[in-house]
Amino acid sequence: MKKIIEPLYRISVNFMIYGCLLLGLLLFLCGFLCTCYARDMDSQQVLTAPDNPFLGILGLGISLAVAALLYHW
């Protein structure tokens, strides 16, 4: 019984780790590449528009630099 449980446990843990990593990466990319907004709140229609990826990379770089400085300090 132990020979069956351990590989099944290892497979399920790896599935959860890589599944959550993939989902997090997908959510990050969607949030990084497009924005949701509403023009007016009367219709409450949510629209999407593409973002400028260079500004996102700039903001990400600044955030990582600040985090690295705080970690070093």
Protein backbone atom coordinates (compact mmCIF):
# COMPACT_ATOMS: atom_id res chain seq x y z
CA MET A 1 0.00 0.00 0.00
CA LYS A 2 2.87 2.33 0.80
CA LYS A 3 4.33 1.73 -2.67
CA ILE A 4 1.14 3.09 -4.22
CA ILE A 5 0.55 6.05 -1.89
CA GLU A 6 4.02 7.66 -2.08
CA PRO A 7 4.22 8.00 -5.90
CA LEU A 8 0.59 9.16 -6.02
CA TYR A 9 1.34 11.76 -3.35
CA ARG A 10 4.46 12.94 -5.21
CA ILE A 11 2.54 13.21 -8.50
CA SER A 12 -0.29 15.17 -6.88
CA VAL A 13 2.10 17.57 -5.13
CA ASN A 14 3.99 18.23 -8.38
CA PHE A 15 0.70 18.71 -10.22
CA MET A 16 -0.42 21.32 -7.67
CA ILE A 17 2.94 23.12 -7.70
CA TYR A 18 3.23 23.35 -11.49
CA GLY A 19 -0.49 23.99 -11.96
CA CYS A 20 -0.42 26.92 -9.54
CA LEU A 21 2.78 28.21 -11.13
CA LEU A 22 1.22 28.06 -14.58
CA LEU A 23 -1.98 29.75 -13.40
CA GLY A 24 -0.01 32.49 -11.64
CA LEU A 25 2.10 33.07 -14.75
CA LEU A 26 -1.00 33.26 -16.92
CA LEU A 27 -2.67 35.76 -14.58
CA PHE A 28 0.51 37.84 -14.44
CA LEU A 29 0.81 37.96 -18.23
CA CYS A 30 -2.86 38.87 -18.65
CA GLY A 31 -2.56 41.64 -16.06
CA PHE A 32 0.72 42.80 -17.59
CA LEU A 33 -0.54 43.02 -21.18
CA CYS A 34 -4.07 44.41 -20.85
CA THR A 35 -6.20 46.63 -18.63
CA CYS A 36 -9.90 46.49 -17.82
CA TYR A 37 -11.75 49.79 -17.47
CA ALA A 38 -15.25 51.27 -17.55
CA ARG A 39 -16.18 54.46 -19.42
CA ASP A 40 -19.32 55.12 -17.45
CA MET A 41 -20.95 53.36 -14.55
CA ASP A 42 -24.45 53.63 -16.01
CA SER A 43 -24.04 50.68 -18.36
CA GLN A 44 -21.42 48.97 -16.14
CA GLN A 45 -19.82 47.54 -19.26
CA VAL A 46 -16.22 46.46 -18.69
CA LEU A 47 -13.88 47.11 -21.62
CA THR A 48 -10.32 45.93 -22.17
CA ALA A 49 -7.43 47.76 -23.77
CA PRO A 50 -3.83 46.72 -24.41
CA ASP A 51 -1.12 48.23 -22.22
CA ASN A 52 2.25 49.51 -23.31
CA PRO A 53 4.57 46.63 -22.35
CA PHE A 54 7.62 48.93 -22.13
CA LEU A 55 6.05 50.91 -19.29
CA GLY A 56 5.21 47.66 -17.53
CA ILE A 57 8.78 46.42 -17.90
CA LEU A 58 10.05 49.76 -16.60
CA GLY A 59 7.79 49.55 -13.55
CA LEU A 60 8.75 45.92 -12.98
CA GLY A 61 12.44 46.82 -13.19
CA ILE A 62 12.06 49.67 -10.70
CA SER A 63 10.15 47.40 -8.31
CA LEU A 64 12.79 44.68 -8.56
CA ALA A 65 15.58 47.23 -8.03
CA VAL A 66 13.89 48.59 -4.90
CA ALA A 67 13.32 45.06 -3.61
CA ALA A 68 16.97 44.17 -4.28
CA LEU A 69 18.15 47.30 -2.45
CA LEU A 70 15.92 46.54 0.52
CA TYR A 71 17.13 42.95 0.57
CA HIS A 72 20.76 44.05 0.43
CA TRP A 73 20.21 46.67 3.15
